[in-house]
Amino acid sequence: MFGVSGFEFLVILVVGVFLMRPKDVALILSWYKKLLKKFYAIKAQAQEFIDDAAKEAGIDQDGKYIVDMDGKLQRAYDVKSLMKGQKHNRAKKRNNKALAKNKRTKTSL
C-alpha cells in the first residue's frame, strides 16, 4: 500500500515512537484503546446478528455449513479428522501385516 513494504512501515513506526513525547504516547494509547473497544462492540453486534439469523433459518451454530450448487445448505466436515481415522486404519493394517510376516519367518526357522 502506497509503495511501503511491511519492514519499511515497521521502521517508520519505531522511529515515530522514539520521536514522540510521553504525553503523545499516552494520548495515542488511549485512542487505540477506544478504537479496540469500538471494534469489539461491532464484532459482538455482528456475531449476535449472525446467531439470530441462524436461529431463524434453523441452523445450529456448532456445525459448519456450505452452500451447494443448488443453493441448499450442506454440512461441512473436517477432512483432517476424517483422514486421521484412515491413517490409523492403514497403520494398523501395516502392523498386522508385519506381525504376520514375523510369525511366518519364526515358524519357518
Foldseek 3Di string as FASTA:
>chain_A
DVPADPVNVVVVVVVVVVPDDPVVVVVVVVVVVVVVVVVVVVVVVVVVVVVVVCVVVVHDPVFDWDADPVRDIDTDDDVVVVVVVVVVVVVVVVVVVVVVVVVVVVVVD
